[in-house]
């Protein structure tokens, strides 16, 4: 580590990462002591005290992990209480080193705080290899590894990026040979490190007292019979310039519409919008659908009425259609995103909660049908051939729906009386799940379909601009409840 990072004896290194993690205890403290440098340890990470600690300690090397740089970049500038001078560049830092600096934050962080060098690395405590990118320019911005031609020739023997089956989360094997296949340059795949098949422990010691977990990281007969490789569990991309990029963790990447979706890629694109403070992207399961649909938990800086349309346009412009999230989970105001001790976003909690309205509502968050919806005004839930629609008026209350029905009913009073009765019957049927009234339900559903069509026609005639007003349609709790309670051939269709 000292060799690659360029530590020098006069250096003063500052870290506020937890000491129980090897990033701080080994890569910062032990590495600095090994070089005879000075290390200063902050009590904990805080955007309010980070730069004050750096200035006080006169540190010229700082360590980051995960989202630290993004949090520092999002924090307001600090000013000298006496002179009023902006203190952003009032530091002696020549280099920031660590892992997890996102490409969209990379240059902004360097420019704002006057840092010349970023030393991004990739490694794992139990891993059999590592990557290093000592970057002074934009050539390797965002890369976790950077290798020259000669080193690339040597490294290729010990590294491999292979095709991955996202559904099984296993490397894809040829049906004819049974071996794995290296991906072309620029294509994502799982990163593997070569092990000595005769002496695995020389490169990988495994997990303490957990042989099954240890064995699961070893892959045999990858390119030839009985060879051995270490599975990193990470999706990486290696380009023809020797740069290695981290895409996602296996398990975080999900598959939708027969395409692989990287949560990191989606988060980077969404976070580029100035209204988004934090974006945590993950995949959620939908009944009777293959793969997982995209969902993003958001903390918004701006919650003005037109912001959702802007976000939809931004997402569609920057992402392929299959990667645009179908659902938004907007965190309540003042709430922070849950993070790990090493300042990485927690995905498994919100992923396991899915889009269950009861669970999401209990947390205080708001669930919306999201950015992938077209400019149409309605979202239709297809349930056994019956359509249930929710308008984009932003209201979920039954009273508001009844008021809308009254307005539309002016054209045909006789039909309105019948339709209101049918709607009431439908509400009772949905709430009570009464299977005995199937015949009545079918009639009511047919009437509802007619009413929905009439409502669509009225809306189109009365206000042609409705389609352009909102590119996002709110998914009402009633619709999600229908999907949850009537879990039969349910699917979401955006029209």
Foldseek 3Di string as FASTA:
>chain_A
DCVQVVDAQAAEEEEAFDCVDCVPVPVPVVSCVVRNHHYDYDVHDDLVCVVVVQAVSLGQEYEAFACSLLVNLLDDFDADPPPRHTCLQVGNHAEYEYEHDALLRQVVSCVRHVHQWYWAKADDPQALDIAIDTDRDDPQRQFRHADAPVVCVVCVVFKAFWDADLVVRHADADPVPRATHGDAAFDKGWMKTWAQLVCRCVRGVADPPCVPRRVVQWDAQHPHHGTIIGTPQWIWGAHPRRTIHTFAGRVQWKDFPNDIEGQSQLQSQLVVDPQWSGKGKGFADAFPGPMTAIEIETETNDDDPQVQQVSLVSSVVRDPLRHFGQKYKYADPPDDFDADSSGHGDDPVDRVVGVQVVVSVVNVIAMFGHNSFALDQWKWKQAVNFTDIDGQPVDQDPVVVVVVLVVLCPVPVVLSVVLVVLVVVCVVCLVVVDPVCVVSVVVSSVSVVVVVVSVSVVCCVPPVCSSVRHRTGGDHNVNSSSCVVRVHPIDIDHD
